[in-house]
């Protein structure tokens, strides 16, 4: 039963399999990437940043004071 697996058939199968794998991977690489990053409101991040904590390191920020 194993005599049907000649060198030609094994090599042909390996070459066809590798060609299919490369083709499929090429199509997958050309797809548009998914953007799973969360949407960030930059204005809110800058507005709510804890600038008053920078004073402890010696950095002075204009208008930064404790919240309250």
PDB file of N, CA and C in Angstrom:
ATOM      1  N   UNK A   1       0.815  -1.189   0.000  1.00  0.00           N
ATOM      2  CA  UNK A   1       0.000   0.000   0.000  1.00  0.00           C
ATOM      3  C   UNK A   1       0.862   1.258   0.000  1.00  0.00           C
ATOM      4  N   UNK A   2       1.990   1.232   0.668  1.00  0.00           N
ATOM      5  CA  UNK A   2       2.835   2.421   0.714  1.00  0.00           C
ATOM      6  C   UNK A   2       3.678   2.572  -0.540  1.00  0.00           C
ATOM      7  N   UNK A   3       3.631   1.608  -1.434  1.00  0.00           N
ATOM      8  CA  UNK A   3       4.420   1.726  -2.659  1.00  0.00           C
ATOM      9  C   UNK A   3       3.861   2.781  -3.616  1.00  0.00           C
ATOM     10  N   UNK A   4       2.644   3.277  -3.353  1.00  0.00           N
ATOM     11  CA  UNK A   4       2.102   4.333  -4.217  1.00  0.00           C
ATOM     12  C   UNK A   4       2.736   5.686  -3.909  1.00  0.00           C
ATOM     13  N   UNK A   5       3.382   5.808  -2.745  1.00  0.00           N
ATOM     14  CA  UNK A   5       4.026   7.056  -2.374  1.00  0.00           C
ATOM     15  C   UNK A   5       5.445   7.082  -2.941  1.00  0.00           C
ATOM     16  N   UNK A   6       5.538   7.460  -4.188  1.00  0.00           N
ATOM     17  CA  UNK A   6       6.856   7.551  -4.820  1.00  0.00           C
ATOM     18  C   UNK A   6       7.482   8.901  -4.494  1.00  0.00           C
ATOM     19  N   UNK A   7       8.739   9.050  -4.837  1.00  0.00           N
ATOM     20  CA  UNK A   7       9.446  10.304  -4.578  1.00  0.00           C
ATOM     21  C   UNK A   7       8.775  11.452  -5.321  1.00  0.00           C
ATOM     22  N   UNK A   8       8.313  11.202  -6.543  1.00  0.00           N
ATOM     23  CA  UNK A   8       7.667  12.257  -7.326  1.00  0.00           C
ATOM     24  C   UNK A   8       6.384  12.745  -6.655  1.00  0.00           C
ATOM     25  N   UNK A   9       5.601  11.820  -6.137  1.00  0.00           N
ATOM     26  CA  UNK A   9       4.331  12.198  -5.500  1.00  0.00           C
ATOM     27  C   UNK A   9       4.596  12.953  -4.200  1.00  0.00           C
ATOM     28  N   UNK A  10       5.561  12.502  -3.433  1.00  0.00           N
ATOM     29  CA  UNK A  10       5.875  13.180  -2.173  1.00  0.00           C
ATOM     30  C   UNK A  10       6.381  14.589  -2.434  1.00  0.00           C
ATOM     31  N   UNK A  11       7.296  14.745  -3.378  1.00  0.00           N
ATOM     32  CA  UNK A  11       7.827  16.078  -3.689  1.00  0.00           C
ATOM     33  C   UNK A  11       6.760  16.993  -4.285  1.00  0.00           C
ATOM     34  N   UNK A  12       5.929  16.437  -5.172  1.00  0.00           N
ATOM     35  CA  UNK A  12       4.858  17.236  -5.773  1.00  0.00           C
ATOM     36  C   UNK A  12       3.882  17.712  -4.706  1.00  0.00           C
ATOM     37  N   UNK A  13       3.524  16.831  -3.795  1.00  0.00           N
ATOM     38  CA  UNK A  13       2.608  17.203  -2.715  1.00  0.00           C
ATOM     39  C   UNK A  13       3.229  18.271  -1.823  1.00  0.00           C
ATOM     40  N   UNK A  14       4.502  18.138  -1.523  1.00  0.00           N
ATOM     41  CA  UNK A  14       5.177  19.134  -0.683  1.00  0.00           C
ATOM     42  C   UNK A  14       5.238  20.485  -1.379  1.00  0.00           C
ATOM     43  N   UNK A  15       5.541  20.501  -2.659  1.00  0.00           N
ATOM     44  CA  UNK A  15       5.638  21.757  -3.404  1.00  0.00           C
ATOM     45  C   UNK A  15       4.267  22.417  -3.521  1.00  0.00           C
ATOM     46  N   UNK A  16       3.249  21.635  -3.837  1.00  0.00           N
ATOM     47  CA  UNK A  16       1.887  22.188  -3.957  1.00  0.00           C
ATOM     48  C   UNK A  16       1.414  22.696  -2.600  1.00  0.00           C
ATOM     49  N   UNK A  17       1.694  21.960  -1.531  1.00  0.00           N
ATOM     50  CA  UNK A  17       1.297  22.396  -0.195  1.00  0.00           C
ATOM     51  C   UNK A  17       1.972  23.690   0.205  1.00  0.00           C
ATOM     52  N   UNK A  18       3.272  23.797  -0.063  1.00  0.00           N
ATOM     53  CA  UNK A  18       3.979  25.035   0.252  1.00  0.00           C
ATOM     54  C   UNK A  18       3.477  26.199  -0.588  1.00  0.00           C
ATOM     55  N   UNK A  19       3.179  25.946  -1.841  1.00  0.00           N
ATOM     56  CA  UNK A  19       2.654  27.008  -2.706  1.00  0.00           C
ATOM     57  C   UNK A  19       1.301  27.504  -2.202  1.00  0.00           C
ATOM     58  N   UNK A  20       0.437  26.591  -1.806  1.00  0.00           N
ATOM     59  CA  UNK A  20      -0.863  26.986  -1.262  1.00  0.00           C
ATOM     60  C   UNK A  20      -0.690  27.773   0.038  1.00  0.00           C
ATOM     61  N   UNK A  21       0.208  27.335   0.882  1.00  0.00           N
ATOM     62  CA  UNK A  21       0.449  28.028   2.140  1.00  0.00           C
ATOM     63  C   UNK A  21       0.949  29.452   1.900  1.00  0.00           C
ATOM     64  N   UNK A  22       1.885  29.605   0.986  1.00  0.00           N
ATOM     65  CA  UNK A  22       2.419  30.938   0.679  1.00  0.00           C
ATOM     66  C   UNK A  22       1.329  31.814   0.064  1.00  0.00           C
ATOM     67  N   UNK A  23       0.505  31.254  -0.810  1.00  0.00           N
ATOM     68  CA  UNK A  23      -0.567  32.027  -1.435  1.00  0.00           C
ATOM     69  C   UNK A  23      -1.583  32.485  -0.399  1.00  0.00           C
ATOM     70  N   UNK A  24      -1.983  31.592   0.484  1.00  0.00           N
ATOM     71  CA  UNK A  24      -2.966  31.948   1.516  1.00  0.00           C
ATOM     72  C   UNK A  24      -2.390  33.000   2.452  1.00  0.00           C
ATOM     73  N   UNK A  25      -1.152  32.835   2.860  1.00  0.00           N
ATOM     74  CA  UNK A  25      -0.530  33.817   3.748  1.00  0.00           C
ATOM     75  C   UNK A  25      -0.365  35.179   3.052  1.00  0.00           C
ATOM     76  N   UNK A  26      -0.097  35.162   1.762  1.00  0.00           N
ATOM     77  CA  UNK A  26      -0.010  36.416   1.014  1.00  0.00           C
ATOM     78  C   UNK A  26      -1.333  37.159   1.002  1.00  0.00           C
ATOM     79  N   UNK A  27      -2.423  36.430   0.796  1.00  0.00           N
ATOM     80  CA  UNK A  27      -3.740  37.070   0.828  1.00  0.00           C
ATOM     81  C   UNK A  27      -4.063  37.587   2.228  1.00  0.00           C
ATOM     82  N   UNK A  28      -3.677  36.842   3.256  1.00  0.00           N
ATOM     83  CA  UNK A  28      -3.936  37.302   4.616  1.00  0.00           C
ATOM     84  C   UNK A  28      -3.127  38.546   4.946  1.00  0.00           C
ATOM     85  N   UNK A  29      -1.918  38.647   4.432  1.00  0.00           N
ATOM     86  CA  UNK A  29      -1.087  39.818   4.708  1.00  0.00           C
ATOM     87  C   UNK A  29      -1.593  41.065   3.987  1.00  0.00           C
ATOM     88  N   UNK A  30      -2.306  40.905   2.882  1.00  0.00           N
ATOM     89  CA  UNK A  30      -2.804  42.051   2.119  1.00  0.00           C
ATOM     90  C   UNK A  30      -4.103  42.602   2.685  1.00  0.00           C
ATOM     91  N   UNK A  31      -4.712  41.909   3.648  1.00  0.00           N
ATOM     92  CA  UNK A  31      -5.962  42.393   4.226  1.00  0.00           C
ATOM     93  C   UNK A  31      -5.743  43.652   5.041  1.00  0.00           C
ATOM     94  N   UNK A  32      -6.791  44.419   5.201  1.00  0.00           N
ATOM     95  CA  UNK A  32      -6.749  45.629   6.022  1.00  0.00           C
ATOM     96  C   UNK A  32      -6.641  45.211   7.486  1.00  0.00           C
ATOM     97  N   UNK A  33      -5.697  45.786   8.238  1.00  0.00           N
ATOM     98  CA  UNK A  33      -5.563  45.396   9.645  1.00  0.00           C
ATOM     99  C   UNK A  33      -6.742  45.909  10.462  1.00  0.00           C
ATOM    100  N   UNK A  34      -7.109  45.135  11.479  1.00  0.00           N
ATOM    101  CA  UNK A  34      -8.186  45.541  12.369  1.00  0.00           C
ATOM    102  C   UNK A  34      -7.644  46.550  13.373  1.00  0.00           C
ATOM    103  N   UNK A  35      -8.413  47.594  13.623  1.00  0.00           N
ATOM    104  CA  UNK A  35      -8.012  48.610  14.588  1.00  0.00           C
ATOM    105  C   UNK A  35      -8.795  48.365  15.872  1.00  0.00           C
ATOM    106  N   UNK A  36      -8.195  47.598  16.784  1.00  0.00           N
ATOM    107  CA  UNK A  36      -8.857  47.246  18.040  1.00  0.00           C
ATOM    108  C   UNK A  36      -8.521  48.214  19.167  1.00  0.00           C
ATOM    109  N   UNK A  37      -7.781  49.269  18.837  1.00  0.00           N
ATOM    110  CA  UNK A  37      -7.423  50.213  19.878  1.00  0.00           C
ATOM    111  C   UNK A  37      -8.649  51.011  20.306  1.00  0.00           C
ATOM    112  N   UNK A  38      -8.773  51.297  21.591  1.00  0.00           N
ATOM    113  CA  UNK A  38      -9.922  52.096  22.040  1.00  0.00           C
ATOM    114  C   UNK A  38      -9.781  53.544  21.581  1.00  0.00           C
ATOM    115  N   UNK A  39     -10.897  54.164  21.338  1.00  0.00           N
ATOM    116  CA  UNK A  39     -10.904  55.573  20.937  1.00  0.00           C
ATOM    117  C   UNK A  39     -10.624  56.429  22.170  1.00  0.00           C
ATOM    118  N   UNK A  40      -9.632  57.308  22.078  1.00  0.00           N
ATOM    119  CA  UNK A  40      -9.215  58.130  23.210  1.00  0.00           C
ATOM    120  C   UNK A  40      -9.523  59.589  22.899  1.00  0.00           C
ATOM    121  N   UNK A  41     -10.156  60.252  23.842  1.00  0.00           N
ATOM    122  CA  UNK A  41     -10.431  61.681  23.720  1.00  0.00           C
ATOM    123  C   UNK A  41      -9.221  62.429  24.267  1.00  0.00           C
ATOM    124  N   UNK A  42      -8.376  62.923  23.358  1.00  0.00           N
ATOM    125  CA  UNK A  42      -7.123  63.569  23.746  1.00  0.00           C
ATOM    126  C   UNK A  42      -7.385  64.814  24.586  1.00  0.00           C
ATOM    127  N   UNK A  43      -8.423  65.577  24.233  1.00  0.00           N
ATOM    128  CA  UNK A  43      -8.724  66.783  24.998  1.00  0.00           C
ATOM    129  C   UNK A  43      -9.070  66.443  26.445  1.00  0.00           C
ATOM    130  N   UNK A  44      -9.831  65.383  26.659  1.00  0.00           N
ATOM    131  CA  UNK A  44     -10.199  64.981  28.021  1.00  0.00           C
ATOM    132  C   UNK A  44      -8.986  64.469  28.792  1.00  0.00           C
ATOM    133  N   UNK A  45      -8.090  63.777  28.109  1.00  0.00           N
ATOM    134  CA  UNK A  45      -6.876  63.278  28.778  1.00  0.00           C
ATOM    135  C   UNK A  45      -6.007  64.439  29.234  1.00  0.00           C
ATOM    136  N   UNK A  46      -5.825  65.434  28.368  1.00  0.00           N
ATOM    137  CA  UNK A  46      -5.006  66.589  28.733  1.00  0.00           C
ATOM    138  C   UNK A  46      -5.698  67.407  29.819  1.00  0.00           C
ATOM    139  N   UNK A  47      -7.011  67.565  29.724  1.00  0.00           N
ATOM    140  CA  UNK A  47      -7.761  68.362  30.695  1.00  0.00           C
ATOM    141  C   UNK A  47      -7.737  67.713  32.084  1.00  0.00           C
ATOM    142  N   UNK A  48      -7.804  66.384  32.141  1.00  0.00           N
ATOM    143  CA  UNK A  48      -7.897  65.681  33.418  1.00  0.00           C
ATOM    144  C   UNK A  48      -6.556  65.143  33.914  1.00  0.00           C
ATOM    145  N   UNK A  49      -5.466  65.515  33.273  1.00  0.00           N
ATOM    146  CA  UNK A  49      -4.151  65.004  33.678  1.00  0.00           C
ATOM    147  C   UNK A  49      -3.765  65.557  35.043  1.00  0.00           C
ATOM    148  N   UNK A  50      -3.091  64.759  35.844  1.00  0.00           N
ATOM    149  CA  UNK A  50      -2.711  65.212  37.204  1.00  0.00           C
ATOM    150  C   UNK A  50      -1.429  66.045  37.179  1.00  0.00           C
ATOM    151  N   UNK A  51      -1.517  67.263  36.636  1.00  0.00           N
ATOM    152  CA  UNK A  51      -0.353  68.130  36.529  1.00  0.00           C
ATOM    153  C   UNK A  51       0.182  68.533  37.898  1.00  0.00           C
ATOM    154  N   UNK A  52      -0.682  68.574  38.920  1.00  0.00           N
ATOM    155  CA  UNK A  52      -0.235  68.983  40.252  1.00  0.00           C
ATOM    156  C   UNK A  52       0.770  67.996  40.838  1.00  0.00           C
ATOM    157  N   UNK A  53       0.789  66.763  40.329  1.00  0.00           N
ATOM    158  CA  UNK A  53       1.757  65.784  40.821  1.00  0.00           C
ATOM    159  C   UNK A  53       3.167  66.056  40.300  1.00  0.00           C
ATOM    160  N   UNK A  54       3.278  66.833  39.227  1.00  0.00           N
ATOM    161  CA  UNK A  54       4.594  67.148  38.682  1.00  0.00           C
ATOM    162  C   UNK A  54       5.379  68.093  39.580  1.00  0.00           C
ATOM    163  N   UNK A  55       4.675  68.875  40.423  1.00  0.00           N
ATOM    164  CA  UNK A  55       5.362  69.823  41.290  1.00  0.00           C
ATOM    165  C   UNK A  55       6.265  69.116  42.293  1.00  0.00           C
ATOM    166  N   UNK A  56       5.925  67.888  42.657  1.00  0.00           N
ATOM    167  CA  UNK A  56       6.758  67.131  43.582  1.00  0.00           C
ATOM    168  C   UNK A  56       8.104  66.743  42.979  1.00  0.00           C
ATOM    169  N   UNK A  57       8.197  66.725  41.668  1.00  0.00           N
ATOM    170  CA  UNK A  57       9.461  66.392  41.003  1.00  0.00           C
ATOM    171  C   UNK A  57      10.244  67.640  40.629  1.00  0.00           C
ATOM    172  N   UNK A  58       9.690  68.820  40.923  1.00  0.00           N
ATOM    173  CA  UNK A  58      10.393  70.055  40.625  1.00  0.00           C
ATOM    174  C   UNK A  58       9.983  70.696  39.318  1.00  0.00           C
ATOM    175  N   UNK A  59       9.008  70.157  38.629  1.00  0.00           N
ATOM    176  CA  UNK A  59       8.528  70.724  37.374  1.00  0.00           C
ATOM    177  C   UNK A  59       7.354  71.643  37.679  1.00  0.00           C
ATOM    178  N   UNK A  60       7.472  72.865  37.294  1.00  0.00           N
ATOM    179  CA  UNK A  60       6.397  73.832  37.523  1.00  0.00           C
ATOM    180  C   UNK A  60       5.519  73.915  36.281  1.00  0.00           C
ATOM    181  N   UNK A  61       4.204  73.788  36.495  1.00  0.00           N
ATOM    182  CA  UNK A  61       3.234  73.873  35.403  1.00  0.00           C
ATOM    183  C   UNK A  61       2.306  75.026  35.718  1.00  0.00           C
ATOM    184  N   UNK A  62       2.132  75.941  34.734  1.00  0.00           N
ATOM    185  CA  UNK A  62       1.261  77.099  34.920  1.00  0.00           C
ATOM    186  C   UNK A  62      -0.181  76.642  35.103  1.00  0.00           C
ATOM    187  N   UNK A  63      -0.849  77.160  36.121  1.00  0.00           N
ATOM    188  CA  UNK A  63      -2.263  76.885  36.332  1.00  0.00           C
ATOM    189  C   UNK A  63      -2.544  75.526  36.928  1.00  0.00           C
ATOM    190  N   UNK A  64      -1.526  74.797  37.364  1.00  0.00           N
ATOM    191  CA  UNK A  64      -1.750  73.491  37.946  1.00  0.00           C
ATOM    192  C   UNK A  64      -1.894  73.647  39.448  1.00  0.00           C
ATOM    193  N   UNK A  65      -2.960  73.142  39.949  1.00  0.00           N
ATOM    194  CA  UNK A  65      -3.189  73.194  41.387  1.00  0.00           C
ATOM    195  C   UNK A  65      -3.978  71.972  41.801  1.00  0.00           C
ATOM    196  N   UNK A  66      -4.131  71.773  43.079  1.00  0.00           N
ATOM    197  CA  UNK A  66      -4.914  70.629  43.541  1.00  0.00           C
ATOM    198  C   UNK A  66      -6.373  70.765  43.119  1.00  0.00           C
ATOM    199  N   UNK A  67      -6.958  69.627  42.846  1.00  0.00           N
ATOM    200  CA  UNK A  67      -8.369  69.605  42.441  1.00  0.00           C
ATOM    201  C   UNK A  67      -9.202  69.851  43.680  1.00  0.00           C
ATOM    202  N   UNK A  68     -10.171  70.767  43.547  1.00  0.00           N
ATOM    203  CA  UNK A  68     -11.012  70.954  44.703  1.00  0.00           C
ATOM    204  C   UNK A  68     -11.553  72.286  44.840  1.00  0.00           C
TER     205      UNK A  68
END
